[in-house]
Amino acid sequence: TQPSLFVGGTDDPMWNGAVARELGEAVEIDGADHGLARIEHAPRVAK
């Protein structure tokens, strides 16, 4: 029942953007994989 923010990437096989948007706020990072480890992802996640 509590709010959720989902952050994932289009290259992550475990990510489903449609489900994330259904369940709460969603940030989908183009090209991000399951590690979400690239430094260029940091600003989007932090913001």
ModelCIF file with pLDDT and N, C-alpha, C, O atoms, coordinates in Angstrom:
data_MODEL
#
_entry.id   MODEL 
#
_entity.id                         1 
_entity.type                       polymer 
_entity.pdbx_number_of_molecules   1 
#
_entity_poly.entity_id                      1 
_entity_poly.type                           'polypeptide(L)' 
_entity_poly.nstd_linkage                   no 
_entity_poly.nstd_monomer                   no 
_entity_poly.pdbx_seq_one_letter_code       TQPSLFVGGTDDPMWNGAVARELGEAVEIDGADHGLARIEHAPRVAK 
_entity_poly.pdbx_seq_one_letter_code_can   TQPSLFVGGTDDPMWNGAVARELGEAVEIDGADHGLARIEHAPRVAK 
_entity_poly.pdbx_strand_id                 A 
#
loop_
_entity_poly_seq.entity_id 
_entity_poly_seq.num 
_entity_poly_seq.mon_id 
_entity_poly_seq.hetero 
1 1  THR n 
1 2  GLN n 
1 3  PRO n 
1 4  SER n 
1 5  LEU n 
1 6  PHE n 
1 7  VAL n 
1 8  GLY n 
1 9  GLY n 
1 10 THR n 
1 11 ASP n 
1 12 ASP n 
1 13 PRO n 
1 14 MET n 
1 15 TRP n 
1 16 ASN n 
1 17 GLY n 
1 18 ALA n 
1 19 VAL n 
1 20 ALA n 
1 21 ARG n 
1 22 GLU n 
1 23 LEU n 
1 24 GLY n 
1 25 GLU n 
1 26 ALA n 
1 27 VAL n 
1 28 GLU n 
1 29 ILE n 
1 30 ASP n 
1 31 GLY n 
1 32 ALA n 
1 33 ASP n 
1 34 HIS n 
1 35 GLY n 
1 36 LEU n 
1 37 ALA n 
1 38 ARG n 
1 39 ILE n 
1 40 GLU n 
1 41 HIS n 
1 42 ALA n 
1 43 PRO n 
1 44 ARG n 
1 45 VAL n 
1 46 ALA n 
1 47 LYS n 
#
_struct_asym.id          A 
_struct_asym.entity_id   1 
#
loop_
_ma_qa_metric.id 
_ma_qa_metric.mode 
_ma_qa_metric.name 
_ma_qa_metric.software_group_id 
_ma_qa_metric.type 
1 global pLDDT . pLDDT 
2 local  pLDDT . pLDDT 
#
_ma_qa_metric_global.metric_id      1 
_ma_qa_metric_global.metric_value   96.02 
_ma_qa_metric_global.model_id       1 
_ma_qa_metric_global.ordinal_id     1 
#
loop_
_ma_qa_metric_local.label_asym_id 
_ma_qa_metric_local.label_comp_id 
_ma_qa_metric_local.label_seq_id 
_ma_qa_metric_local.metric_id 
_ma_qa_metric_local.metric_value 
_ma_qa_metric_local.model_id 
_ma_qa_metric_local.ordinal_id 
A THR 1  2 98.00 1 1  
A GLN 2  2 98.00 1 2  
A PRO 3  2 98.00 1 3  
A SER 4  2 98.00 1 4  
A LEU 5  2 98.00 1 5  
A PHE 6  2 98.00 1 6  
A VAL 7  2 98.00 1 7  
A GLY 8  2 97.00 1 8  
A GLY 9  2 97.00 1 9  
A THR 10 2 97.00 1 10 
A ASP 11 2 97.00 1 11 
A ASP 12 2 97.00 1 12 
A PRO 13 2 97.00 1 13 
A MET 14 2 97.00 1 14 
A TRP 15 2 98.00 1 15 
A ASN 16 2 98.00 1 16 
A GLY 17 2 98.00 1 17 
A ALA 18 2 98.00 1 18 
A VAL 19 2 98.00 1 19 
A ALA 20 2 98.00 1 20 
A ARG 21 2 98.00 1 21 
A GLU 22 2 98.00 1 22 
A LEU 23 2 98.00 1 23 
A GLY 24 2 97.00 1 24 
A GLU 25 2 97.00 1 25 
A ALA 26 2 98.00 1 26 
A VAL 27 2 98.00 1 27 
A GLU 28 2 97.00 1 28 
A ILE 29 2 97.00 1 29 
A ASP 30 2 96.00 1 30 
A GLY 31 2 95.00 1 31 
A ALA 32 2 95.00 1 32 
A ASP 33 2 94.00 1 33 
A HIS 34 2 93.00 1 34 
A GLY 35 2 91.00 1 35 
A LEU 36 2 90.00 1 36 
A ALA 37 2 89.00 1 37 
A ARG 38 2 91.00 1 38 
A ILE 39 2 91.00 1 39 
A GLU 40 2 93.00 1 40 
A HIS 41 2 92.00 1 41 
A ALA 42 2 93.00 1 42 
A PRO 43 2 95.00 1 43 
A ARG 44 2 95.00 1 44 
A VAL 45 2 96.00 1 45 
A ALA 46 2 96.00 1 46 
A LYS 47 2 97.00 1 47 
#
loop_
_atom_site.group_PDB 
_atom_site.id 
_atom_site.type_symbol 
_atom_site.label_atom_id 
_atom_site.label_alt_id 
_atom_site.label_comp_id 
_atom_site.label_asym_id 
_atom_site.label_entity_id 
_atom_site.label_seq_id 
_atom_site.pdbx_PDB_ins_code 
_atom_site.Cartn_x 
_atom_site.Cartn_y 
_atom_site.Cartn_z 
_atom_site.occupancy 
_atom_site.B_iso_or_equiv 
_atom_site.pdbx_formal_charge 
_atom_site.auth_seq_id 
_atom_site.auth_comp_id 
_atom_site.auth_asym_id 
_atom_site.auth_atom_id 
_atom_site.pdbx_PDB_model_num 
ATOM 1   N N  . THR A 1 1  ? 0.814  -1.207 0.000   1.00 98.00 ? 1  THR A N  1 
ATOM 2   C CA . THR A 1 1  ? 0.000  0.000  0.000   1.00 98.00 ? 1  THR A CA 1 
ATOM 3   C C  . THR A 1 1  ? 0.854  1.267  0.000   1.00 98.00 ? 1  THR A C  1 
ATOM 4   O O  . THR A 1 1  ? 0.347  2.350  -0.294  1.00 98.00 ? 1  THR A O  1 
ATOM 5   N N  . GLN A 1 2  ? 2.127  1.147  0.322   1.00 98.00 ? 2  GLN A N  1 
ATOM 6   C CA . GLN A 1 2  ? 3.014  2.309  0.411   1.00 98.00 ? 2  GLN A CA 1 
ATOM 7   C C  . GLN A 1 2  ? 3.585  2.654  -0.971  1.00 98.00 ? 2  GLN A C  1 
ATOM 8   O O  . GLN A 1 2  ? 3.674  1.788  -1.840  1.00 98.00 ? 2  GLN A O  1 
ATOM 9   N N  . PRO A 1 3  ? 3.968  3.914  -1.170  1.00 98.00 ? 3  PRO A N  1 
ATOM 10  C CA . PRO A 1 3  ? 4.493  4.323  -2.477  1.00 98.00 ? 3  PRO A CA 1 
ATOM 11  C C  . PRO A 1 3  ? 5.821  3.651  -2.816  1.00 98.00 ? 3  PRO A C  1 
ATOM 12  O O  . PRO A 1 3  ? 6.614  3.312  -1.938  1.00 98.00 ? 3  PRO A O  1 
ATOM 13  N N  . SER A 1 4  ? 6.032  3.474  -4.101  1.00 98.00 ? 4  SER A N  1 
ATOM 14  C CA . SER A 1 4  ? 7.254  2.838  -4.593  1.00 98.00 ? 4  SER A CA 1 
ATOM 15  C C  . SER A 1 4  ? 7.800  3.596  -5.794  1.00 98.00 ? 4  SER A C  1 
ATOM 16  O O  . SER A 1 4  ? 7.061  4.147  -6.610  1.00 98.00 ? 4  SER A O  1 
ATOM 17  N N  . LEU A 1 5  ? 9.134  3.599  -5.864  1.00 98.00 ? 5  LEU A N  1 
ATOM 18  C CA . LEU A 1 5  ? 9.858  4.092  -7.026  1.00 98.00 ? 5  LEU A CA 1 
ATOM 19  C C  . LEU A 1 5  ? 10.628 2.913  -7.593  1.00 98.00 ? 5  LEU A C  1 
ATOM 20  O O  . LEU A 1 5  ? 11.369 2.244  -6.873  1.00 98.00 ? 5  LEU A O  1 
ATOM 21  N N  . PHE A 1 6  ? 10.456 2.657  -8.878  1.00 98.00 ? 6  PHE A N  1 
ATOM 22  C CA . PHE A 1 6  ? 11.146 1.566  -9.559  1.00 98.00 ? 6  PHE A CA 1 
ATOM 23  C C  . PHE A 1 6  ? 12.161 2.161  -10.525 1.00 98.00 ? 6  PHE A C  1 
ATOM 24  O O  . PHE A 1 6  ? 11.840 3.053  -11.310 1.00 98.00 ? 6  PHE A O  1 
ATOM 25  N N  . VAL A 1 7  ? 13.397 1.653  -10.459 1.00 98.00 ? 7  VAL A N  1 
ATOM 26  C CA . VAL A 1 7  ? 14.455 2.121  -11.344 1.00 98.00 ? 7  VAL A CA 1 
ATOM 27  C C  . VAL A 1 7  ? 15.069 0.908  -12.026 1.00 98.00 ? 7  VAL A C  1 
ATOM 28  O O  . VAL A 1 7  ? 15.561 -0.002 -11.359 1.00 98.00 ? 7  VAL A O  1 
ATOM 29  N N  . GLY A 1 8  ? 15.040 0.897  -13.347 1.00 97.00 ? 8  GLY A N  1 
ATOM 30  C CA . GLY A 1 8  ? 15.600 -0.224 -14.088 1.00 97.00 ? 8  GLY A CA 1 
ATOM 31  C C  . GLY A 1 8  ? 15.987 0.197  -15.486 1.00 97.00 ? 8  GLY A C  1 
ATOM 32  O O  . GLY A 1 8  ? 15.791 1.341  -15.895 1.00 97.00 ? 8  GLY A O  1 
ATOM 33  N N  . GLY A 1 9  ? 16.542 -0.757 -16.206 1.00 97.00 ? 9  GLY A N  1 
ATOM 34  C CA . GLY A 1 9  ? 17.049 -0.442 -17.530 1.00 97.00 ? 9  GLY A CA 1 
ATOM 35  C C  . GLY A 1 9  ? 16.489 -1.320 -18.622 1.00 97.00 ? 9  GLY A C  1 
ATOM 36  O O  . GLY A 1 9  ? 16.049 -2.445 -18.383 1.00 97.00 ? 9  GLY A O  1 
ATOM 37  N N  . THR A 1 10 ? 16.516 -0.788 -19.813 1.00 97.00 ? 10 THR A N  1 
ATOM 38  C CA . THR A 1 10 ? 15.962 -1.492 -20.966 1.00 97.00 ? 10 THR A CA 1 
ATOM 39  C C  . THR A 1 10 ? 16.765 -2.730 -21.346 1.00 97.00 ? 10 THR A C  1 
ATOM 40  O O  . THR A 1 10 ? 16.248 -3.591 -22.059 1.00 97.00 ? 10 THR A O  1 
ATOM 41  N N  . ASP A 1 11 ? 18.017 -2.847 -20.892 1.00 97.00 ? 11 ASP A N  1 
ATOM 42  C CA . ASP A 1 11 ? 18.826 -4.031 -21.196 1.00 97.00 ? 11 ASP A CA 1 
ATOM 43  C C  . ASP A 1 11 ? 18.879 -5.022 -20.040 1.00 97.00 ? 11 ASP A C  1 
ATOM 44  O O  . ASP A 1 11 ? 19.731 -5.910 -20.019 1.00 97.00 ? 11 ASP A O  1 
ATOM 45  N N  . ASP A 1 12 ? 17.975 -4.873 -19.082 1.00 97.00 ? 12 ASP A N  1 
ATOM 46  C CA . ASP A 1 12 ? 17.896 -5.776 -17.930 1.00 97.00 ? 12 ASP A CA 1 
ATOM 47  C C  . ASP A 1 12 ? 16.783 -6.792 -18.188 1.00 97.00 ? 12 ASP A C  1 
ATOM 48  O O  . ASP A 1 12 ? 15.618 -6.405 -18.284 1.00 97.00 ? 12 ASP A O  1 
ATOM 49  N N  . PRO A 1 13 ? 17.115 -8.098 -18.303 1.00 97.00 ? 13 PRO A N  1 
ATOM 50  C CA . PRO A 1 13 ? 16.078 -9.090 -18.566 1.00 97.00 ? 13 PRO A CA 1 
ATOM 51  C C  . PRO A 1 13 ? 15.072 -9.242 -17.422 1.00 97.00 ? 13 PRO A C  1 
ATOM 52  O O  . PRO A 1 13 ? 14.022 -9.859 -17.605 1.00 97.00 ? 13 PRO A O  1 
ATOM 53  N N  . MET A 1 14 ? 15.374 -8.698 -16.265 1.00 97.00 ? 14 MET A N  1 
ATOM 54  C CA . MET A 1 14 ? 14.467 -8.788 -15.120 1.00 97.00 ? 14 MET A CA 1 
ATOM 55  C C  . MET A 1 14 ? 13.554 -7.571 -15.010 1.00 97.00 ? 14 MET A C  1 
ATOM 56  O O  . MET A 1 14 ? 12.660 -7.540 -14.164 1.00 97.00 ? 14 MET A O  1 
ATOM 57  N N  . TRP A 1 15 ? 13.773 -6.581 -15.850 1.00 98.00 ? 15 TRP A N  1 
ATOM 58  C CA . TRP A 1 15 ? 12.997 -5.341 -15.840 1.00 98.00 ? 15 TRP A CA 1 
ATOM 59  C C  . TRP A 1 15 ? 11.776 -5.466 -16.728 1.00 98.00 ? 15 TRP A C  1 
ATOM 60  O O  . TRP A 1 15 ? 11.841 -6.081 -17.792 1.00 98.00 ? 15 TRP A O  1 
ATOM 61  N N  . ASN A 1 16 ? 10.673 -4.892 -16.306 1.00 98.00 ? 16 ASN A N  1 
ATOM 62  C CA . ASN A 1 16 ? 9.461  -4.804 -17.109 1.00 98.00 ? 16 ASN A CA 1 
ATOM 63  C C  . ASN A 1 16 ? 8.892  -3.407 -16.866 1.00 98.00 ? 16 ASN A C  1 
ATOM 64  O O  . ASN A 1 16 ? 8.226  -3.166 -15.859 1.00 98.00 ? 16 ASN A O  1 
ATOM 65  N N  . GLY A 1 17 ? 9.157  -2.504 -17.786 1.00 98.00 ? 17 GLY A N  1 
ATOM 66  C CA . GLY A 1 17 ? 8.743  -1.119 -17.623 1.00 98.00 ? 17 GLY A CA 1 
ATOM 67  C C  . GLY A 1 17 ? 7.249  -0.943 -17.454 1.00 98.00 ? 17 GLY A C  1 
ATOM 68  O O  . GLY A 1 17 ? 6.808  -0.100 -16.674 1.00 98.00 ? 17 GLY A O  1 
ATOM 69  N N  . ALA A 1 18 ? 6.463  -1.731 -18.177 1.00 98.00 ? 18 ALA A N  1 
ATOM 70  C CA . ALA A 1 18 ? 5.006  -1.613 -18.060 1.00 98.00 ? 18 ALA A CA 1 
ATOM 71  C C  . ALA A 1 18 ? 4.539  -1.984 -16.657 1.00 98.00 ? 18 ALA A C  1 
ATOM 72  O O  . ALA A 1 18 ? 3.685  -1.305 -16.088 1.00 98.00 ? 18 ALA A O  1 
ATOM 73  N N  . VAL A 1 19 ? 5.091  -3.049 -16.103 1.00 98.00 ? 19 VAL A N  1 
ATOM 74  C CA . VAL A 1 19 ? 4.726  -3.460 -14.739 1.00 98.00 ? 19 VAL A CA 1 
ATOM 75  C C  . VAL A 1 19 ? 5.192  -2.411 -13.740 1.00 98.00 ? 19 VAL A C  1 
ATOM 76  O O  . VAL A 1 19 ? 4.451  -2.069 -12.818 1.00 98.00 ? 19 VAL A O  1 
ATOM 77  N N  . ALA A 1 20 ? 6.397  -1.899 -13.904 1.00 98.00 ? 20 ALA A N  1 
ATOM 78  C CA . ALA A 1 20 ? 6.911  -0.872 -12.991 1.00 98.00 ? 20 ALA A CA 1 
ATOM 79  C C  . ALA A 1 20 ? 5.994  0.345  -12.973 1.00 98.00 ? 20 ALA A C  1 
ATOM 80  O O  . ALA A 1 20 ? 5.677  0.862  -11.902 1.00 98.00 ? 20 ALA A O  1 
ATOM 81  N N  . ARG A 1 21 ? 5.564  0.808  -14.140 1.00 98.00 ? 21 ARG A N  1 
ATOM 82  C CA . ARG A 1 21 ? 4.690  1.981  -14.221 1.00 98.00 ? 21 ARG A CA 1 
ATOM 83  C C  . ARG A 1 21 ? 3.318  1.689  -13.612 1.00 98.00 ? 21 ARG A C  1 
ATOM 84  O O  . ARG A 1 21 ? 2.681  2.584  -13.056 1.00 98.00 ? 21 ARG A O  1 
ATOM 85  N N  . GLU A 1 22 ? 2.873  0.464  -13.714 1.00 98.00 ? 22 GLU A N  1 
ATOM 86  C CA . GLU A 1 22 ? 1.597  0.071  -13.106 1.00 98.00 ? 22 GLU A CA 1 
ATOM 87  C C  . GLU A 1 22 ? 1.678  0.106  -11.577 1.00 98.00 ? 22 GLU A C  1 
ATOM 88  O O  . GLU A 1 22 ? 0.708  0.457  -10.906 1.00 98.00 ? 22 GLU A O  1 
ATOM 89  N N  . LEU A 1 23 ? 2.836  -0.259 -11.036 1.00 98.00 ? 23 LEU A N  1 
ATOM 90  C CA . LEU A 1 23 ? 2.992  -0.410 -9.591  1.00 98.00 ? 23 LEU A CA 1 
ATOM 91  C C  . LEU A 1 23 ? 3.408  0.864  -8.857  1.00 98.00 ? 23 LEU A C  1 
ATOM 92  O O  . LEU A 1 23 ? 3.250  0.947  -7.639  1.00 98.00 ? 23 LEU A O  1 
ATOM 93  N N  . GLY A 1 24 ? 3.925  1.837  -9.561  1.00 97.00 ? 24 GLY A N  1 
ATOM 94  C CA . GLY A 1 24 ? 4.380  3.057  -8.885  1.00 97.00 ? 24 GLY A CA 1 
ATOM 95  C C  . GLY A 1 24 ? 5.079  3.972  -9.856  1.00 97.00 ? 24 GLY A C  1 
ATOM 96  O O  . GLY A 1 24 ? 4.896  3.872  -11.069 1.00 97.00 ? 24 GLY A O  1 
ATOM 97  N N  . GLU A 1 25 ? 5.882  4.866  -9.314  1.00 97.00 ? 25 GLU A N  1 
ATOM 98  C CA . GLU A 1 25 ? 6.712  5.719  -10.156 1.00 97.00 ? 25 GLU A CA 1 
ATOM 99  C C  . GLU A 1 25 ? 7.785  4.853  -10.795 1.00 97.00 ? 25 GLU A C  1 
ATOM 100 O O  . GLU A 1 25 ? 8.267  3.905  -10.175 1.00 97.00 ? 25 GLU A O  1 
ATOM 101 N N  . ALA A 1 26 ? 8.160  5.165  -12.017 1.00 98.00 ? 26 ALA A N  1 
ATOM 102 C CA . ALA A 1 26 ? 9.172  4.366  -12.701 1.00 98.00 ? 26 ALA A CA 1 
ATOM 103 C C  . ALA A 1 26 ? 10.142 5.254  -13.456 1.00 98.00 ? 26 ALA A C  1 
ATOM 104 O O  . ALA A 1 26 ? 9.757  6.219  -14.117 1.00 98.00 ? 26 ALA A O  1 
ATOM 105 N N  . VAL A 1 27 ? 11.410 4.898  -13.336 1.00 98.00 ? 27 VAL A N  1 
ATOM 106 C CA . VAL A 1 27 ? 12.476 5.529  -14.106 1.00 98.00 ? 27 VAL A CA 1 
ATOM 107 C C  . VAL A 1 27 ? 13.127 4.429  -14.911 1.00 98.00 ? 27 VAL A C  1 
ATOM 108 O O  . VAL A 1 27 ? 13.715 3.502  -14.353 1.00 98.00 ? 27 VAL A O  1 
ATOM 109 N N  . GLU A 1 28 ? 13.023 4.531  -16.218 1.00 97.00 ? 28 GLU A N  1 
ATOM 110 C CA . GLU A 1 28 ? 13.591 3.529  -17.117 1.00 97.00 ? 28 GLU A CA 1 
ATOM 111 C C  . GLU A 1 28 ? 14.793 4.147  -17.819 1.00 97.00 ? 28 GLU A C  1 
ATOM 112 O O  . GLU A 1 28 ? 14.673 5.161  -18.506 1.00 97.00 ? 28 GLU A O  1 
ATOM 113 N N  . ILE A 1 29 ? 15.948 3.524  -17.636 1.00 97.00 ? 29 ILE A N  1 
ATOM 114 C CA . ILE A 1 29 ? 17.185 4.050  -18.193 1.00 97.00 ? 29 ILE A CA 1 
ATOM 115 C C  . ILE A 1 29 ? 17.544 3.259  -19.442 1.00 97.00 ? 29 ILE A C  1 
ATOM 116 O O  . ILE A 1 29 ? 17.819 2.061  -19.379 1.00 97.00 ? 29 ILE A O  1 
ATOM 117 N N  . ASP A 1 30 ? 17.537 3.940  -20.558 1.00 96.00 ? 30 ASP A N  1 
ATOM 118 C CA . ASP A 1 30 ? 17.836 3.304  -21.832 1.00 96.00 ? 30 ASP A CA 1 
ATOM 119 C C  . ASP A 1 30 ? 19.257 2.731  -21.818 1.00 96.00 ? 30 ASP A C  1 
ATOM 120 O O  . ASP A 1 30 ? 20.221 3.442  -21.532 1.00 96.00 ? 30 ASP A O  1 
ATOM 121 N N  . GLY A 1 31 ? 19.367 1.454  -22.126 1.00 95.00 ? 31 GLY A N  1 
ATOM 122 C CA . GLY A 1 31 ? 20.661 0.788  -22.211 1.00 95.00 ? 31 GLY A CA 1 
ATOM 123 C C  . GLY A 1 31 ? 21.221 0.264  -20.905 1.00 95.00 ? 31 GLY A C  1 
ATOM 124 O O  . GLY A 1 31 ? 22.252 -0.407 -20.915 1.00 95.00 ? 31 GLY A O  1 
ATOM 125 N N  . ALA A 1 32 ? 20.582 0.545  -19.781 1.00 95.00 ? 32 ALA A N  1 
ATOM 126 C CA . ALA A 1 32 ? 21.085 0.052  -18.499 1.00 95.00 ? 32 ALA A CA 1 
ATOM 127 C C  . ALA A 1 32 ? 20.767 -1.435 -18.352 1.00 95.00 ? 32 ALA A C  1 
ATOM 128 O O  . ALA A 1 32 ? 19.687 -1.896 -18.720 1.00 95.00 ? 32 ALA A O  1 
ATOM 129 N N  . ASP A 1 33 ? 21.734 -2.171 -17.805 1.00 94.00 ? 33 ASP A N  1 
ATOM 130 C CA . ASP A 1 33 ? 21.522 -3.602 -17.564 1.00 94.00 ? 33 ASP A CA 1 
ATOM 131 C C  . ASP A 1 33 ? 21.227 -3.839 -16.083 1.00 94.00 ? 33 ASP A C  1 
ATOM 132 O O  . ASP A 1 33 ? 21.025 -2.890 -15.325 1.00 94.00 ? 33 ASP A O  1 
ATOM 133 N N  . HIS A 1 34 ? 21.202 -5.090 -15.681 1.00 93.00 ? 34 HIS A N  1 
ATOM 134 C CA . HIS A 1 34 ? 20.813 -5.423 -14.309 1.00 93.00 ? 34 HIS A CA 1 
ATOM 135 C C  . HIS A 1 34 ? 21.799 -4.899 -13.269 1.00 93.00 ? 34 HIS A C  1 
ATOM 136 O O  . HIS A 1 34 ? 21.410 -4.672 -12.123 1.00 93.00 ? 34 HIS A O  1 
ATOM 137 N N  . GLY A 1 35 ? 23.041 -4.704 -13.632 1.00 91.00 ? 35 GLY A N  1 
ATOM 138 C CA . GLY A 1 35 ? 24.011 -4.169 -12.688 1.00 91.00 ? 35 GLY A CA 1 
ATOM 139 C C  . GLY A 1 35 ? 23.764 -2.717 -12.326 1.00 91.00 ? 35 GLY A C  1 
ATOM 140 O O  . GLY A 1 35 ? 24.099 -2.284 -11.223 1.00 91.00 ? 35 GLY A O  1 
ATOM 141 N N  . LEU A 1 36 ? 23.188 -1.970 -13.236 1.00 90.00 ? 36 LEU A N  1 
ATOM 142 C CA . LEU A 1 36 ? 22.961 -0.532 -13.055 1.00 90.00 ? 36 LEU A CA 1 
ATOM 143 C C  . LEU A 1 36 ? 24.222 0.112  -12.481 1.00 90.00 ? 36 LEU A C  1 
ATOM 144 O O  . LEU A 1 36 ? 24.161 0.920  -11.555 1.00 90.00 ? 36 LEU A O  1 
ATOM 145 N N  . ALA A 1 37 ? 25.354 -0.261 -13.048 1.00 89.00 ? 37 ALA A N  1 
ATOM 146 C CA . ALA A 1 37 ? 26.638 0.081  -12.448 1.00 89.00 ? 37 ALA A CA 1 
ATOM 147 C C  . ALA A 1 37 ? 27.435 1.145  -13.196 1.00 89.00 ? 37 ALA A C  1 
ATOM 148 O O  . ALA A 1 37 ? 28.497 1.559  -12.731 1.00 89.00 ? 37 ALA A O  1 
ATOM 149 N N  . ARG A 1 38 ? 26.947 1.584  -14.326 1.00 91.00 ? 38 ARG A N  1 
ATOM 150 C CA . ARG A 1 38 ? 27.731 2.558  -15.099 1.00 91.00 ? 38 ARG A CA 1 
ATOM 151 C C  . ARG A 1 38 ? 27.594 3.942  -14.469 1.00 91.00 ? 38 ARG A C  1 
ATOM 152 O O  . ARG A 1 38 ? 26.501 4.347  -14.074 1.00 91.00 ? 38 ARG A O  1 
ATOM 153 N N  . ILE A 1 39 ? 28.692 4.651  -14.380 1.00 91.00 ? 39 ILE A N  1 
ATOM 154 C CA . ILE A 1 39 ? 28.713 5.950  -13.723 1.00 91.00 ? 39 ILE A CA 1 
ATOM 155 C C  . ILE A 1 39 ? 27.731 6.930  -14.357 1.00 91.00 ? 39 ILE A C  1 
ATOM 156 O O  . ILE A 1 39 ? 27.212 7.814  -13.676 1.00 91.00 ? 39 ILE A O  1 
ATOM 157 N N  . GLU A 1 40 ? 27.474 6.780  -15.653 1.00 93.00 ? 40 GLU A N  1 
ATOM 158 C CA . GLU A 1 40 ? 26.516 7.700  -16.276 1.00 93.00 ? 40 GLU A CA 1 
ATOM 159 C C  . GLU A 1 40 ? 25.085 7.458  -15.800 1.00 93.00 ? 40 GLU A C  1 
ATOM 160 O O  . GLU A 1 40 ? 24.212 8.291  -16.043 1.00 93.00 ? 40 GLU A O  1 
ATOM 161 N N  . HIS A 1 41 ? 24.824 6.330  -15.123 1.00 92.00 ? 41 HIS A N  1 
ATOM 162 C CA . HIS A 1 41 ? 23.493 6.079  -14.568 1.00 92.00 ? 41 HIS A CA 1 
ATOM 163 C C  . HIS A 1 41 ? 23.279 6.823  -13.251 1.00 92.00 ? 41 HIS A C  1 
ATOM 164 O O  . HIS A 1 41 ? 22.143 7.097  -12.865 1.00 92.00 ? 41 HIS A O  1 
ATOM 165 N N  . ALA A 1 42 ? 24.364 7.145  -12.571 1.00 93.00 ? 42 ALA A N  1 
ATOM 166 C CA . ALA A 1 42 ? 24.290 7.739  -11.234 1.00 93.00 ? 42 ALA A CA 1 
ATOM 167 C C  . ALA A 1 42 ? 23.402 8.982  -11.170 1.00 93.00 ? 42 ALA A C  1 
ATOM 168 O O  . ALA A 1 42 ? 22.559 9.058  -10.277 1.00 93.00 ? 42 ALA A O  1 
ATOM 169 N N  . PRO A 1 43 ? 23.545 9.958  -12.068 1.00 95.00 ? 43 PRO A N  1 
ATOM 170 C CA . PRO A 1 43 ? 22.711 11.161 -11.945 1.00 95.00 ? 43 PRO A CA 1 
ATOM 171 C C  . PRO A 1 43 ? 21.218 10.879 -12.060 1.00 95.00 ? 43 PRO A C  1 
ATOM 172 O O  . PRO A 1 43 ? 20.423 11.477 -11.335 1.00 95.00 ? 43 PRO A O  1 
ATOM 173 N N  . ARG A 1 44 ? 20.825 9.980  -12.956 1.00 95.00 ? 44 ARG A N  1 
ATOM 174 C CA . ARG A 1 44 ? 19.386 9.662  -13.113 1.00 95.00 ? 44 ARG A CA 1 
ATOM 175 C C  . ARG A 1 44 ? 18.841 8.997  -11.851 1.00 95.00 ? 44 ARG A C  1 
ATOM 176 O O  . ARG A 1 44 ? 17.749 9.322  -11.386 1.00 95.00 ? 44 ARG A O  1 
ATOM 177 N N  . VAL A 1 45 ? 19.628 8.049  -11.299 1.00 96.00 ? 45 VAL A N  1 
ATOM 178 C CA . VAL A 1 45 ? 19.199 7.373  -10.077 1.00 96.00 ? 45 VAL A CA 1 
ATOM 179 C C  . VAL A 1 45 ? 19.112 8.382  -8.939  1.00 96.00 ? 45 VAL A C  1 
ATOM 180 O O  . VAL A 1 45 ? 18.106 8.437  -8.231  1.00 96.00 ? 45 VAL A O  1 
ATOM 181 N N  . ALA A 1 46 ? 20.157 9.178  -8.760  1.00 96.00 ? 46 ALA A N  1 
ATOM 182 C CA . ALA A 1 46 ? 20.188 10.144 -7.663  1.00 96.00 ? 46 ALA A CA 1 
ATOM 183 C C  . ALA A 1 46 ? 19.037 11.154 -7.760  1.00 96.00 ? 46 ALA A C  1 
ATOM 184 O O  . ALA A 1 46 ? 18.390 11.458 -6.757  1.00 96.00 ? 46 ALA A O  1 
ATOM 185 N N  . LYS A 1 47 ? 18.789 11.664 -8.948  1.00 97.00 ? 47 LYS A N  1 
ATOM 186 C CA . LYS A 1 47 ? 17.717 12.652 -9.129  1.00 97.00 ? 47 LYS A CA 1 
ATOM 187 C C  . LYS A 1 47 ? 16.347 12.043 -8.801  1.00 97.00 ? 47 LYS A C  1 
ATOM 188 O O  . LYS A 1 47 ? 15.328 12.727 -8.897  1.00 97.00 ? 47 LYS A O  1 
#
